[in-house]
Amino acid sequence: MIFNRQVNIPYKMGRIVTLCALILASAVPSASAAHKTKKLTDANITAFIEEMSSMSSGHSLSHSSEQIKDFLNAHLHPNARFKSIMQYNVPGQPPQQSALALDKAKFMENIQAGAQAMEDYESNVEITQINISKDGRKATLNTQSQESGMMSVDDQSGSGVEKASVVGASLCVQIVMLSKQDIIQLYNANCNTSISFQQ
């Protein structure tokens, strides 16, 4: 996986990447109708980010995996990009840093796997600033989010598996925009993320 040569930690790399997808995102009836508008406002952007956060966590209890997939497909721009500088805090090791970059397809691939890897998942996202363009069709926003849950990891000996508590925090700059069909879509997210493991 992407971090094998960069981060020397005893946890399964596939699970790390899917966890990153959950945290990065931070971020229904008919998905297309849920967030369709002629003009972006603070209110409809806030509602969109809250639902995007719930859907991209993969832990929405009121929606099937197919509904979540349809929602994300409709509300992620075709050229969406997700980037984050990741800092890992692992017991017994110095903090380590790496970079994560996902396009729309890779992001969506990791959502379901990430949901299955995390137990007792909880998240909270807060929008701290919104700047909407004069024509109301594009906005830049700052968000901060916190996530927590339990993950199965390799034990220190490498011969077994144990549960570890995982806590993540992200500061992100995101861009949302209206498609030609007036559907709110997430276009870009650049984040700084810290992930801490506790056994």
C-alpha atoms as a PDB file:
ATOM      1  CA  MET A   1       0.000   0.000   0.000  1.00  0.00           C
ATOM      2  CA  ILE A   2       0.964   3.640  -0.192  1.00  0.00           C
ATOM      3  CA  PHE A   3       2.539   3.884   3.277  1.00  0.00           C
ATOM      4  CA  ASN A   4       4.579   0.682   3.457  1.00  0.00           C
ATOM      5  CA  ARG A   5       7.950   2.392   2.882  1.00  0.00           C
ATOM      6  CA  GLN A   6       7.084   5.639   4.622  1.00  0.00           C
ATOM      7  CA  VAL A   7       5.506   4.675   7.931  1.00  0.00           C
ATOM      8  CA  ASN A   8       7.026   1.907  10.003  1.00  0.00           C
ATOM      9  CA  ILE A   9       4.139   0.901  12.249  1.00  0.00           C
ATOM     10  CA  PRO A  10       2.821  -2.551  13.210  1.00  0.00           C
ATOM     11  CA  TYR A  11      -0.732  -1.905  12.012  1.00  0.00           C
ATOM     12  CA  LYS A  12      -2.240  -3.298   8.831  1.00  0.00           C
ATOM     13  CA  MET A  13      -1.628  -0.726   6.093  1.00  0.00           C
ATOM     14  CA  GLY A  14      -4.882  -1.448   4.292  1.00  0.00           C
ATOM     15  CA  ARG A  15      -6.790  -0.493   7.397  1.00  0.00           C
ATOM     16  CA  ILE A  16      -4.712   2.654   7.826  1.00  0.00           C
ATOM     17  CA  VAL A  17      -5.551   3.864   4.335  1.00  0.00           C
ATOM     18  CA  THR A  18      -9.262   3.194   4.783  1.00  0.00           C
ATOM     19  CA  LEU A  19      -9.177   4.965   8.147  1.00  0.00           C
ATOM     20  CA  CYS A  20      -7.557   7.954   6.457  1.00  0.00           C
ATOM     21  CA  ALA A  21     -10.356   8.009   3.906  1.00  0.00           C
ATOM     22  CA  LEU A  22     -12.901   8.142   6.736  1.00  0.00           C
ATOM     23  CA  ILE A  23     -11.108  10.974   8.493  1.00  0.00           C
ATOM     24  CA  LEU A  24     -10.362  12.884   5.327  1.00  0.00           C
ATOM     25  CA  ALA A  25     -13.645  13.241   4.314  1.00  0.00           C
ATOM     26  CA  SER A  26     -15.173  14.880   6.914  1.00  0.00           C
ATOM     27  CA  ALA A  27     -17.043  15.929   5.895  1.00  0.00           C
ATOM     28  CA  VAL A  28     -31.654  10.469   1.947  1.00  0.00           C
ATOM     29  CA  PRO A  29     -34.433  10.543  -0.227  1.00  0.00           C
ATOM     30  CA  SER A  30     -33.298  10.980  -3.821  1.00  0.00           C
ATOM     31  CA  ALA A  31     -29.618  11.946  -3.722  1.00  0.00           C
ATOM     32  CA  SER A  32     -29.989  14.330  -6.629  1.00  0.00           C
ATOM     33  CA  ALA A  33     -32.918  16.119  -4.999  1.00  0.00           C
ATOM     34  CA  ALA A  34     -31.401  16.190  -1.515  1.00  0.00           C
ATOM     35  CA  HIS A  35     -28.947  19.003  -2.244  1.00  0.00           C
ATOM     36  CA  LYS A  36     -30.150  20.720  -5.400  1.00  0.00           C
ATOM     37  CA  THR A  37     -30.269  24.514  -5.447  1.00  0.00           C
ATOM     38  CA  LYS A  38     -29.796  27.495  -7.741  1.00  0.00           C
ATOM     39  CA  LYS A  39     -27.512  29.282  -5.278  1.00  0.00           C
ATOM     40  CA  LEU A  40     -25.201  28.290  -2.433  1.00  0.00           C
ATOM     41  CA  THR A  41     -25.971  29.658   1.039  1.00  0.00           C
ATOM     42  CA  ASP A  42     -24.496  29.140   4.502  1.00  0.00           C
ATOM     43  CA  ALA A  43     -27.542  27.017   5.382  1.00  0.00           C
ATOM     44  CA  ASN A  44     -27.524  24.640   2.398  1.00  0.00           C
ATOM     45  CA  ILE A  45     -23.720  24.266   2.542  1.00  0.00           C
ATOM     46  CA  THR A  46     -23.913  23.362   6.246  1.00  0.00           C
ATOM     47  CA  ALA A  47     -26.673  20.808   5.625  1.00  0.00           C
ATOM     48  CA  PHE A  48     -24.683  19.338   2.729  1.00  0.00           C
ATOM     49  CA  ILE A  49     -21.442  19.001   4.722  1.00  0.00           C
ATOM     50  CA  GLU A  50     -23.269  17.372   7.641  1.00  0.00           C
ATOM     51  CA  GLU A  51     -24.857  14.783   5.368  1.00  0.00           C
ATOM     52  CA  MET A  52     -21.666  14.268   3.363  1.00  0.00           C
ATOM     53  CA  SER A  53     -19.839  13.582   6.628  1.00  0.00           C
ATOM     54  CA  SER A  54     -22.445  11.022   7.654  1.00  0.00           C
ATOM     55  CA  MET A  55     -22.487   9.311   4.261  1.00  0.00           C
ATOM     56  CA  SER A  56     -18.715   9.259   3.754  1.00  0.00           C
ATOM     57  CA  SER A  57     -18.182   7.708   7.186  1.00  0.00           C
ATOM     58  CA  GLY A  58     -19.994   4.617   5.894  1.00  0.00           C
ATOM     59  CA  HIS A  59     -21.777   4.372   9.242  1.00  0.00           C
ATOM     60  CA  SER A  60     -25.145   5.884   8.334  1.00  0.00           C
ATOM     61  CA  LEU A  61     -27.678   3.590  10.030  1.00  0.00           C
ATOM     62  CA  SER A  62     -30.642   4.777   7.966  1.00  0.00           C
ATOM     63  CA  HIS A  63     -29.124   4.122   4.519  1.00  0.00           C
ATOM     64  CA  SER A  64     -28.017   1.024   2.677  1.00  0.00           C
ATOM     65  CA  SER A  65     -24.522   0.751   1.205  1.00  0.00           C
ATOM     66  CA  GLU A  66     -26.072   1.209  -2.249  1.00  0.00           C
ATOM     67  CA  GLN A  67     -27.828   4.428  -1.164  1.00  0.00           C
ATOM     68  CA  ILE A  68     -24.571   5.729   0.286  1.00  0.00           C
ATOM     69  CA  LYS A  69     -22.752   4.897  -2.960  1.00  0.00           C
ATOM     70  CA  ASP A  70     -25.434   6.686  -5.010  1.00  0.00           C
ATOM     71  CA  PHE A  71     -25.262   9.739  -2.753  1.00  0.00           C
ATOM     72  CA  LEU A  72     -21.482   9.986  -2.973  1.00  0.00           C
ATOM     73  CA  ASN A  73     -21.504   9.433  -6.721  1.00  0.00           C
ATOM     74  CA  ALA A  74     -23.987  12.295  -7.151  1.00  0.00           C
ATOM     75  CA  HIS A  75     -22.382  14.695  -4.686  1.00  0.00           C
ATOM     76  CA  LEU A  76     -18.682  14.204  -5.389  1.00  0.00           C
ATOM     77  CA  HIS A  77     -17.447  16.146  -8.409  1.00  0.00           C
ATOM     78  CA  PRO A  78     -16.115  13.848 -11.194  1.00  0.00           C
ATOM     79  CA  ASN A  79     -12.673  15.439 -10.750  1.00  0.00           C
ATOM     80  CA  ALA A  80     -12.798  15.528  -6.946  1.00  0.00           C
ATOM     81  CA  ARG A  81      -9.440  15.329  -5.157  1.00  0.00           C
ATOM     82  CA  PHE A  82      -8.736  14.609  -1.496  1.00  0.00           C
ATOM     83  CA  LYS A  83      -5.312  15.346  -0.034  1.00  0.00           C
ATOM     84  CA  SER A  84      -3.990  15.275   3.501  1.00  0.00           C
ATOM     85  CA  ILE A  85      -0.754  15.513   5.407  1.00  0.00           C
ATOM     86  CA  MET A  86      -1.048  12.699   7.963  1.00  0.00           C
ATOM     87  CA  GLN A  87       0.726  12.536  11.318  1.00  0.00           C
ATOM     88  CA  TYR A  88       0.657   9.179  13.102  1.00  0.00           C
ATOM     89  CA  ASN A  89       1.100   8.870  16.842  1.00  0.00           C
ATOM     90  CA  VAL A  90       1.772   5.222  17.683  1.00  0.00           C
ATOM     91  CA  PRO A  91       2.595   3.983  21.210  1.00  0.00           C
ATOM     92  CA  GLY A  92       6.328   3.424  21.670  1.00  0.00           C
ATOM     93  CA  GLN A  93       7.339   5.189  18.449  1.00  0.00           C
ATOM     94  CA  PRO A  94       8.124   8.802  17.528  1.00  0.00           C
ATOM     95  CA  PRO A  95       5.467  10.660  15.521  1.00  0.00           C
ATOM     96  CA  GLN A  96       5.662   9.903  11.809  1.00  0.00           C
ATOM     97  CA  GLN A  97       4.308  11.819   8.845  1.00  0.00           C
ATOM     98  CA  SER A  98       3.161  10.929   5.368  1.00  0.00           C
ATOM     99  CA  ALA A  99       0.886  12.202   2.598  1.00  0.00           C
ATOM    100  CA  LEU A 100      -2.373  10.782   1.299  1.00  0.00           C
ATOM    101  CA  ALA A 101      -3.994  11.645  -2.044  1.00  0.00           C
ATOM    102  CA  LEU A 102      -7.218  10.129  -3.387  1.00  0.00           C
ATOM    103  CA  ASP A 103      -9.359  10.787  -6.442  1.00  0.00           C
ATOM    104  CA  LYS A 104     -13.110  10.213  -6.478  1.00  0.00           C
ATOM    105  CA  ALA A 105     -12.896   6.537  -7.423  1.00  0.00           C
ATOM    106  CA  LYS A 106     -10.249   5.688  -4.806  1.00  0.00           C
ATOM    107  CA  PHE A 107     -12.109   7.635  -2.138  1.00  0.00           C
ATOM    108  CA  MET A 108     -15.343   5.746  -2.816  1.00  0.00           C
ATOM    109  CA  GLU A 109     -13.512   2.398  -2.887  1.00  0.00           C
ATOM    110  CA  ASN A 110     -12.179   3.036   0.606  1.00  0.00           C
ATOM    111  CA  ILE A 111     -15.459   4.112   2.209  1.00  0.00           C
ATOM    112  CA  GLN A 112     -17.000   0.649   2.612  1.00  0.00           C
ATOM    113  CA  ALA A 113     -13.734  -0.969   3.652  1.00  0.00           C
ATOM    114  CA  GLY A 114     -13.137   1.789   6.178  1.00  0.00           C
ATOM    115  CA  ALA A 115     -16.576   1.351   7.692  1.00  0.00           C
ATOM    116  CA  GLN A 116     -15.957  -2.381   8.119  1.00  0.00           C
ATOM    117  CA  ALA A 117     -12.550  -1.772   9.718  1.00  0.00           C
ATOM    118  CA  MET A 118     -13.861   0.595  12.406  1.00  0.00           C
ATOM    119  CA  GLU A 119     -16.122  -0.318  15.326  1.00  0.00           C
ATOM    120  CA  ASP A 120     -17.954   2.064  17.675  1.00  0.00           C
ATOM    121  CA  TYR A 121     -17.239   4.871  15.222  1.00  0.00           C
ATOM    122  CA  GLU A 122     -18.193   8.429  16.190  1.00  0.00           C
ATOM    123  CA  SER A 123     -17.485  11.666  14.340  1.00  0.00           C
ATOM    124  CA  ASN A 124     -18.162  15.363  14.575  1.00  0.00           C
ATOM    125  CA  VAL A 125     -17.519  18.025  11.941  1.00  0.00           C
ATOM    126  CA  GLU A 126     -17.730  21.785  12.441  1.00  0.00           C
ATOM    127  CA  ILE A 127     -17.605  24.467   9.763  1.00  0.00           C
ATOM    128  CA  THR A 128     -15.568  27.406  11.030  1.00  0.00           C
ATOM    129  CA  GLN A 129     -15.720  29.663   7.962  1.00  0.00           C
ATOM    130  CA  ILE A 130     -17.618  29.865   4.654  1.00  0.00           C
ATOM    131  CA  ASN A 131     -16.753  32.141   1.725  1.00  0.00           C
ATOM    132  CA  ILE A 132     -19.276  32.051  -1.127  1.00  0.00           C
ATOM    133  CA  SER A 133     -18.502  33.431  -4.601  1.00  0.00           C
ATOM    134  CA  LYS A 134     -20.514  36.401  -5.863  1.00  0.00           C
ATOM    135  CA  ASP A 135     -22.484  34.257  -8.299  1.00  0.00           C
ATOM    136  CA  GLY A 136     -23.354  31.780  -5.523  1.00  0.00           C
ATOM    137  CA  ARG A 137     -22.082  28.747  -7.405  1.00  0.00           C
ATOM    138  CA  LYS A 138     -18.822  28.058  -5.575  1.00  0.00           C
ATOM    139  CA  ALA A 139     -17.671  28.252  -1.970  1.00  0.00           C
ATOM    140  CA  THR A 140     -14.520  27.706   0.043  1.00  0.00           C
ATOM    141  CA  LEU A 141     -14.936  26.540   3.624  1.00  0.00           C
ATOM    142  CA  ASN A 142     -12.787  25.671   6.586  1.00  0.00           C
ATOM    143  CA  THR A 143     -13.761  22.664   8.684  1.00  0.00           C
ATOM    144  CA  GLN A 144     -12.468  20.901  11.742  1.00  0.00           C
ATOM    145  CA  SER A 145     -13.440  17.355  12.616  1.00  0.00           C
ATOM    146  CA  GLN A 146     -12.861  14.727  15.268  1.00  0.00           C
ATOM    147  CA  GLU A 147     -13.308  10.968  14.883  1.00  0.00           C
ATOM    148  CA  SER A 148     -12.917   8.015  17.202  1.00  0.00           C
ATOM    149  CA  GLY A 149     -13.432   4.274  17.130  1.00  0.00           C
ATOM    150  CA  MET A 150     -11.898   0.860  17.643  1.00  0.00           C
ATOM    151  CA  MET A 151      -9.780  -1.003  15.098  1.00  0.00           C
ATOM    152  CA  SER A 152      -8.293  -4.492  14.947  1.00  0.00           C
ATOM    153  CA  VAL A 153      -4.507  -4.208  14.707  1.00  0.00           C
ATOM    154  CA  ASP A 154      -1.494  -6.501  14.782  1.00  0.00           C
ATOM    155  CA  ASP A 155      -0.153  -6.920  18.283  1.00  0.00           C
ATOM    156  CA  GLN A 156       3.417  -5.923  19.112  1.00  0.00           C
ATOM    157  CA  SER A 157       4.707  -9.455  18.520  1.00  0.00           C
ATOM    158  CA  GLY A 158       3.110  -9.565  15.082  1.00  0.00           C
ATOM    159  CA  SER A 159       1.652 -12.980  15.785  1.00  0.00           C
ATOM    160  CA  GLY A 160      -1.863 -11.942  16.801  1.00  0.00           C
ATOM    161  CA  VAL A 161      -4.541  -9.267  16.605  1.00  0.00           C
ATOM    162  CA  GLU A 162      -5.865  -6.949  19.278  1.00  0.00           C
ATOM    163  CA  LYS A 163      -8.215  -3.973  19.525  1.00  0.00           C
ATOM    164  CA  ALA A 164      -6.831  -0.449  19.595  1.00  0.00           C
ATOM    165  CA  SER A 165      -8.570   2.851  20.197  1.00  0.00           C
ATOM    166  CA  VAL A 166      -8.134   5.293  17.314  1.00  0.00           C
ATOM    167  CA  VAL A 167      -8.643   9.042  17.573  1.00  0.00           C
ATOM    168  CA  GLY A 168      -8.351  11.378  14.598  1.00  0.00           C
ATOM    169  CA  ALA A 169      -8.543  15.144  14.145  1.00  0.00           C
ATOM    170  CA  SER A 170      -8.471  17.124  10.898  1.00  0.00           C
ATOM    171  CA  LEU A 171      -8.320  20.735   9.801  1.00  0.00           C
ATOM    172  CA  CYS A 172      -9.471  21.067   6.196  1.00  0.00           C
ATOM    173  CA  VAL A 173      -9.997  23.629   3.469  1.00  0.00           C
ATOM    174  CA  GLN A 174     -12.744  22.391   1.165  1.00  0.00           C
ATOM    175  CA  ILE A 175     -14.317  23.628  -2.045  1.00  0.00           C
ATOM    176  CA  VAL A 176     -17.955  22.951  -2.901  1.00  0.00           C
ATOM    177  CA  MET A 177     -19.644  23.970  -6.120  1.00  0.00           C
ATOM    178  CA  LEU A 178     -22.838  23.583  -8.098  1.00  0.00           C
ATOM    179  CA  SER A 179     -22.860  21.209 -11.050  1.00  0.00           C
ATOM    180  CA  LYS A 180     -24.504  22.103 -14.361  1.00  0.00           C
ATOM    181  CA  GLN A 181     -27.582  20.353 -12.956  1.00  0.00           C
ATOM    182  CA  ASP A 182     -27.472  22.610  -9.825  1.00  0.00           C
ATOM    183  CA  ILE A 183     -26.455  19.773  -7.500  1.00  0.00           C
ATOM    184  CA  ILE A 184     -24.087  20.661  -4.666  1.00  0.00           C
ATOM    185  CA  GLN A 185     -20.828  18.737  -5.096  1.00  0.00           C
ATOM    186  CA  LEU A 186     -17.627  18.472  -3.096  1.00  0.00           C
ATOM    187  CA  TYR A 187     -14.797  19.405  -5.452  1.00  0.00           C
ATOM    188  CA  ASN A 188     -11.665  19.487  -3.316  1.00  0.00           C
ATOM    189  CA  ALA A 189     -10.408  18.891   0.224  1.00  0.00           C
ATOM    190  CA  ASN A 190      -6.935  19.671   1.570  1.00  0.00           C
ATOM    191  CA  CYS A 191      -6.391  18.607   5.157  1.00  0.00           C
ATOM    192  CA  ASN A 192      -3.908  18.289   7.973  1.00  0.00           C
ATOM    193  CA  THR A 193      -4.743  15.194   9.988  1.00  0.00           C
ATOM    194  CA  SER A 194      -3.462  13.670  13.217  1.00  0.00           C
ATOM    195  CA  ILE A 195      -4.187  10.023  14.052  1.00  0.00           C
ATOM    196  CA  SER A 196      -3.433   8.560  17.484  1.00  0.00           C
ATOM    197  CA  PHE A 197      -3.545   4.881  18.442  1.00  0.00           C
ATOM    198  CA  GLN A 198      -4.019   3.756  22.038  1.00  0.00           C
ATOM    199  CA  GLN A 199      -3.878   0.134  23.146  1.00  0.00           C
END
